[in-house]
């Protein structure tokens, strides 16, 4: 009996389709990943083209998240260990006897994420205070005595920059990290975030205003912040907005703000840092949300702060 050729051809075609290699290579770790497990929203044909770059697989993203978590846990442990060492001075030796001394109950300190900025007198008593970074501009005032103290103030973008920036001078450099902070939040804290006469403040703020506030409103808030620093004998360095994962309109809006901010900062006599081109397209320097920096990205930003301060000091 003659075999059905069409049925055999159909089975052969189905087997060939199942054997097609549906793997793509991660440009970061060079590992091959099953396309169905890659999480990509494009088609396999588009992902297989020479023009497409699979920048980071899920494994790489997970490793970066774990590394960032480890860094944060190490920082918390170091701070807790330092506080525990300081608290040992209040311990009381308990000896055997009929009468036991009354235990001393330590005071419980309640604080919010902004309370760190209000601590001045106790800061020097802490063995290793948590550095603080604030976004801002640099102002050179004639006749002002220059101090080595430098505060970097900003939102969560500055979270890991202290690993490079503050280690240059742990005694005089501080990081103030205020997750979710906006320009107006820093304006209300100008007197609290400055390190005193002749000190330097680096500002990295404005990202959390971009989506909610119109462009002109953001510029008005920047003006209020910068003029608040101009009246104080503080050197100020302004760091512009960093690119983020967003649509064309939002990116265009951020670029417009950066161009204006650079010109206005220089007009007031402040130093301006523009890192937009350095970070644009460098997805490996951002976490999966396309906004927050990885430890590698924070290292690049921290080194830029170091250079800005060094250049400022060289002109004194």
Protein backbone atom coordinates (compact mmCIF):
# COMPACT_ATOMS: atom_id res chain seq x y z
CA UNK A 1 0.00 0.00 0.00
CA UNK A 2 1.40 3.38 -1.02
CA UNK A 3 2.28 5.73 1.79
CA UNK A 4 0.74 9.15 2.04
CA UNK A 5 3.55 11.56 1.06
CA UNK A 6 1.72 14.66 2.18
CA UNK A 7 1.30 13.29 5.75
CA UNK A 8 4.99 12.41 5.98
CA UNK A 9 5.98 15.87 4.76
CA UNK A 10 3.71 17.50 7.34
CA UNK A 11 5.29 15.48 10.18
CA UNK A 12 8.79 16.37 8.97
CA UNK A 13 7.92 20.06 8.79
CA UNK A 14 6.47 19.97 12.33
CA UNK A 15 9.60 18.29 13.75
CA UNK A 16 11.84 20.86 12.06
CA UNK A 17 9.89 23.73 13.54
CA UNK A 18 10.23 22.21 17.00
CA UNK A 19 14.01 21.83 16.57
CA UNK A 20 14.55 25.49 15.66
CA UNK A 21 17.12 27.08 18.02
CA UNK A 22 15.14 29.75 19.90
CA UNK A 23 18.01 31.03 22.04
CA UNK A 24 19.50 34.53 22.19
CA UNK A 25 22.77 35.66 23.74
CA UNK A 26 22.98 38.11 26.64
CA UNK A 27 25.43 40.89 25.80
CA UNK A 28 26.34 41.29 29.46
CA UNK A 29 27.21 37.75 30.65
CA UNK A 30 27.51 36.16 27.13
CA UNK A 31 25.22 33.30 28.15
CA UNK A 32 22.57 31.88 25.82
CA UNK A 33 19.02 32.22 27.09
CA UNK A 34 15.82 30.56 25.90
CA UNK A 35 13.85 33.29 24.14
CA UNK A 36 10.61 32.21 25.85
CA UNK A 37 12.28 32.82 29.24
CA UNK A 38 13.98 36.10 28.29
CA UNK A 39 11.04 38.34 29.15
CA UNK A 40 11.47 40.35 25.96
CA UNK A 41 8.40 41.99 24.47
CA UNK A 42 9.66 41.81 20.85
CA UNK A 43 9.26 38.87 18.52
CA UNK A 44 11.93 36.17 18.17
CA UNK A 45 12.58 37.28 14.59
CA UNK A 46 13.26 40.85 15.76
CA UNK A 47 15.46 39.64 18.61
CA UNK A 48 17.46 37.48 16.18
CA UNK A 49 18.38 40.38 13.90
CA UNK A 50 21.92 41.76 13.90
CA UNK A 51 20.69 45.21 14.92
CA UNK A 52 19.06 43.95 18.13
CA UNK A 53 21.14 43.88 21.35
CA UNK A 54 19.92 41.79 24.28
CA UNK A 55 21.71 44.00 26.85
CA UNK A 56 20.87 42.15 30.04
CA UNK A 57 19.19 38.84 30.89
CA UNK A 58 17.07 38.15 33.94
CA UNK A 59 20.00 36.45 35.65
CA UNK A 60 22.20 39.53 35.27
CA UNK A 61 19.42 41.79 36.57
CA UNK A 62 18.90 39.53 39.57
CA UNK A 63 22.64 39.49 40.33
CA UNK A 64 22.74 43.32 40.24
CA UNK A 65 19.77 43.52 42.59
CA UNK A 66 21.44 41.09 45.00
CA UNK A 67 24.73 43.02 44.85
CA UNK A 68 22.91 46.27 45.63
CA UNK A 69 21.10 44.56 48.52
CA UNK A 70 24.37 43.18 49.91
CA UNK A 71 25.96 46.65 49.72
CA UNK A 72 23.01 48.14 51.61
CA UNK A 73 23.10 45.39 54.26
CA UNK A 74 26.85 45.86 54.75
CA UNK A 75 26.33 49.60 55.22
CA UNK A 76 23.53 49.01 57.74
CA UNK A 77 25.61 46.41 59.63
CA UNK A 78 28.64 48.73 59.81
CA UNK A 79 26.51 51.55 61.20
CA UNK A 80 24.76 49.25 63.71
CA UNK A 81 28.09 47.80 64.86
CA UNK A 82 29.50 51.28 65.42
CA UNK A 83 26.47 52.35 67.45
CA UNK A 84 26.64 49.14 69.50
CA UNK A 85 30.30 49.82 70.31
CA UNK A 86 29.46 53.35 71.43
CA UNK A 87 26.59 52.10 73.58
CA UNK A 88 28.90 49.74 75.51
CA UNK A 89 30.14 52.71 77.52
CA UNK A 90 26.75 52.81 79.29
CA UNK A 91 26.78 49.12 80.28
CA UNK A 92 26.79 48.25 83.98
CA UNK A 93 28.66 45.28 85.49
CA UNK A 94 26.22 43.01 87.38
CA UNK A 95 27.70 41.08 90.33
CA UNK A 96 26.23 38.33 92.44
CA UNK A 97 24.54 39.47 95.62
CA UNK A 98 21.24 39.90 97.43
CA UNK A 99 20.54 43.20 95.76
CA UNK A 100 20.72 43.56 92.01
CA UNK A 101 21.32 47.01 90.55
CA UNK A 102 18.44 48.47 88.63
CA UNK A 103 18.85 48.02 84.90
CA UNK A 104 19.13 51.16 82.83
CA UNK A 105 16.61 51.28 80.01
CA UNK A 106 18.09 53.08 76.99
CA UNK A 107 16.04 55.80 75.36
CA UNK A 108 14.28 54.85 72.15
CA UNK A 109 15.01 57.25 69.34
CA UNK A 110 12.17 57.89 66.90
CA UNK A 111 13.05 59.47 63.59
CA UNK A 112 11.91 59.91 60.02
CA UNK A 113 13.98 59.89 56.85
CA UNK A 114 14.45 63.68 57.11
CA UNK A 115 15.55 63.70 60.78
CA UNK A 116 19.13 62.84 59.81
CA UNK A 117 19.57 66.38 58.57
CA UNK A 118 18.68 67.83 61.97
CA UNK A 119 21.52 66.12 63.84
CA UNK A 120 24.57 68.35 64.30
CA UNK A 121 25.79 68.10 67.92
CA UNK A 122 25.71 64.30 68.10
CA UNK A 123 27.23 63.73 64.68
CA UNK A 124 30.83 64.10 65.87
CA UNK A 125 30.19 61.75 68.80
CA UNK A 126 29.25 58.92 66.43
CA UNK A 127 32.32 56.86 65.43
CA UNK A 128 31.25 56.37 61.80
CA UNK A 129 28.28 58.60 60.92
CA UNK A 130 26.28 57.74 57.83
CA UNK A 131 27.44 60.08 55.00
CA UNK A 132 24.79 62.32 53.45
CA UNK A 133 24.61 63.49 49.84
CA UNK A 134 22.47 66.42 48.65
CA UNK A 135 21.93 67.69 45.11
CA UNK A 136 23.06 71.26 44.62
CA UNK A 137 25.39 73.77 43.03
CA UNK A 138 28.85 75.12 43.90
CA UNK A 139 29.33 78.77 44.75
CA UNK A 140 32.76 80.39 45.10
CA UNK A 141 32.58 83.41 47.40
CA UNK A 142 35.52 85.82 47.47
CA UNK A 143 37.13 86.24 50.87
CA UNK A 144 35.49 83.09 52.28
CA UNK A 145 37.62 80.64 54.23
CA UNK A 146 37.46 77.30 52.43
CA UNK A 147 36.47 74.27 54.53
CA UNK A 148 37.18 70.64 53.68
CA UNK A 149 33.63 69.62 54.58
CA UNK A 150 31.58 68.42 51.60
CA UNK A 151 27.94 67.28 51.69
CA UNK A 152 26.35 65.45 48.77
CA UNK A 153 22.57 65.85 49.00
CA UNK A 154 19.96 64.17 46.84
CA UNK A 155 17.27 61.59 46.31
CA UNK A 156 17.85 57.83 46.13
CA UNK A 157 20.10 58.38 43.08
CA UNK A 158 22.99 59.11 45.45
CA UNK A 159 22.47 55.97 47.53
CA UNK A 160 25.75 54.17 46.70
CA UNK A 161 27.92 57.12 45.65
CA UNK A 162 29.50 57.31 49.11
CA UNK A 163 31.53 54.15 48.42
CA UNK A 164 33.72 56.22 46.11
CA UNK A 165 33.08 59.81 47.08
CA UNK A 166 33.06 59.69 50.89
CA UNK A 167 36.00 57.31 51.12
CA UNK A 168 38.21 60.03 49.67
CA UNK A 169 37.87 61.83 53.03
CA UNK A 170 35.62 59.97 55.47
CA UNK A 171 36.15 62.60 58.17
CA UNK A 172 34.86 65.55 56.14
CA UNK A 173 32.55 64.07 53.50
CA UNK A 174 28.92 63.11 54.13
CA UNK A 175 26.11 61.63 52.03
CA UNK A 176 22.49 62.72 52.59
CA UNK A 177 20.21 60.27 50.81
CA UNK A 178 16.52 61.25 50.87
CA UNK A 179 14.44 58.75 48.84
CA UNK A 180 11.57 60.50 47.08
CA UNK A 181 12.87 64.01 47.85
CA UNK A 182 12.01 66.86 45.47
CA UNK A 183 13.58 70.25 44.81
CA UNK A 184 11.28 72.01 47.27
CA UNK A 185 12.23 69.55 50.04
CA UNK A 186 15.89 70.58 49.80
CA UNK A 187 14.95 74.28 49.69
CA UNK A 188 13.29 73.93 53.09
CA UNK A 189 16.47 72.34 54.48
CA UNK A 190 19.15 74.70 53.13
CA UNK A 191 20.45 75.70 56.58
CA UNK A 192 20.52 72.08 57.72
CA UNK A 193 22.38 70.56 54.77
CA UNK A 194 25.22 73.06 54.54
CA UNK A 195 28.42 72.14 56.32
CA UNK A 196 29.11 75.64 57.60
CA UNK A 197 30.96 78.63 56.20
CA UNK A 198 33.28 77.75 53.33
CA UNK A 199 31.98 74.19 53.02
CA UNK A 200 30.85 72.60 49.74
CA UNK A 201 27.43 71.23 48.82
CA UNK A 202 26.79 68.99 45.81
CA UNK A 203 23.15 68.89 44.66
CA UNK A 204 21.65 65.92 42.76
CA UNK A 205 17.94 66.71 42.82
CA UNK A 206 15.00 67.17 40.46
CA UNK A 207 14.33 63.66 39.10
CA UNK A 208 11.20 63.27 41.22
CA UNK A 209 9.79 66.56 39.89
CA UNK A 210 10.04 65.68 36.20
CA UNK A 211 6.85 63.66 35.79
CA UNK A 212 4.52 65.73 37.96
CA UNK A 213 5.60 69.36 37.46
CA UNK A 214 5.52 71.42 34.25
CA UNK A 215 8.88 72.60 32.91
CA UNK A 216 8.43 76.22 33.98
CA UNK A 217 7.41 75.14 37.49
CA UNK A 218 10.56 73.03 37.80
CA UNK A 219 12.72 75.96 36.68
CA UNK A 220 11.03 78.24 39.23
CA UNK A 221 11.73 75.70 42.00
CA UNK A 222 15.38 75.44 40.92
CA UNK A 223 15.68 79.23 41.04
CA UNK A 224 14.33 79.35 44.58
CA UNK A 225 16.75 76.61 45.67
CA UNK A 226 19.83 78.13 44.03
CA UNK A 227 19.16 81.62 45.33
CA UNK A 228 18.76 80.19 48.84
CA UNK A 229 22.32 78.84 48.60
CA UNK A 230 23.67 82.00 46.97
CA UNK A 231 22.95 84.02 50.12
CA UNK A 232 25.11 81.66 52.18
CA UNK A 233 28.90 81.47 52.21
CA UNK A 234 28.89 77.97 50.77
CA UNK A 235 30.53 76.57 47.65
CA UNK A 236 27.87 74.87 45.51
CA UNK A 237 28.09 72.25 42.74
CA UNK A 238 24.98 71.45 40.68
CA UNK A 239 24.69 68.05 39.02
CA UNK A 240 22.18 67.90 36.17
CA UNK A 241 19.39 65.38 35.63
CA UNK A 242 20.46 61.88 34.59
CA UNK A 243 18.68 60.08 31.70
CA UNK A 244 16.04 57.54 32.64
CA UNK A 245 13.90 54.94 30.91
CA UNK A 246 11.15 57.14 29.47
CA UNK A 247 9.43 58.25 26.26
CA UNK A 248 10.72 60.85 23.87
CA UNK A 249 8.66 63.68 25.32
CA UNK A 250 9.95 63.19 28.86
CA UNK A 251 13.56 62.85 27.70
CA UNK A 252 13.22 66.03 25.63
CA UNK A 253 11.78 67.81 28.67
CA UNK A 254 14.71 66.70 30.83
CA UNK A 255 17.24 67.84 28.23
CA UNK A 256 15.60 71.26 28.05
CA UNK A 257 15.77 71.57 31.83
CA UNK A 258 19.46 70.55 31.87
CA UNK A 259 20.42 73.14 29.24
CA UNK A 260 18.65 75.86 31.20
CA UNK A 261 19.99 74.64 34.57
CA UNK A 262 23.58 74.69 33.32
CA UNK A 263 23.31 78.25 32.07
CA UNK A 264 21.50 79.51 35.18
CA UNK A 265 23.95 77.82 37.55
CA UNK A 266 26.91 79.46 35.82
CA UNK A 267 25.05 82.78 35.83
CA UNK A 268 24.90 82.59 39.64
CA UNK A 269 28.57 81.62 39.88
CA UNK A 270 27.91 77.95 40.62
CA UNK A 271 29.72 74.97 39.13
CA UNK A 272 27.63 72.65 36.93
CA UNK A 273 28.16 68.94 36.15
CA UNK A 274 26.54 67.49 33.02
CA UNK A 275 26.58 63.66 33.03
CA UNK A 276 23.74 63.12 30.54
CA UNK A 277 25.88 61.95 27.60
CA UNK A 278 28.01 59.79 29.90
CA UNK A 279 24.98 57.85 31.19
CA UNK A 280 22.75 57.86 28.10
CA UNK A 281 22.41 54.35 26.62
CA UNK A 282 24.35 52.72 29.48
CA UNK A 283 21.62 50.37 30.67
CA UNK A 284 24.14 48.40 32.74
CA UNK A 285 24.53 51.43 35.03
CA UNK A 286 20.82 51.42 35.89
CA UNK A 287 18.66 48.93 37.76
CA UNK A 288 15.71 47.19 36.13
CA UNK A 289 13.43 50.16 36.78
CA UNK A 290 15.60 52.29 34.46
CA UNK A 291 15.84 55.01 37.13
CA UNK A 292 17.97 53.98 40.11
CA UNK A 293 21.70 53.40 39.71
CA UNK A 294 23.55 50.15 40.20
CA UNK A 295 26.73 50.14 42.25
CA UNK A 296 28.68 50.50 39.00
CA UNK A 297 26.64 53.51 37.91
CA UNK A 298 26.91 55.09 41.36
CA UNK A 299 30.68 54.63 41.20
CA UNK A 300 30.84 56.56 37.93
CA UNK A 301 28.75 59.37 39.43
CA UNK A 302 30.81 59.42 42.64
CA UNK A 303 34.02 59.82 40.65
CA UNK A 304 32.49 62.76 38.80
CA UNK A 305 31.82 64.37 42.19
CA UNK A 306 35.46 63.78 43.16
CA UNK A 307 36.71 65.50 40.02
CA UNK A 308 34.37 68.47 40.48
CA UNK A 309 35.54 69.04 44.06
CA UNK A 310 39.21 68.65 43.07
CA UNK A 311 38.85 71.18 40.25
CA UNK A 312 37.09 73.57 42.61
CA UNK A 313 39.84 73.23 45.24
CA UNK A 314 42.54 73.84 42.62
CA UNK A 315 41.13 77.32 41.97
CA UNK A 316 41.30 78.38 45.63
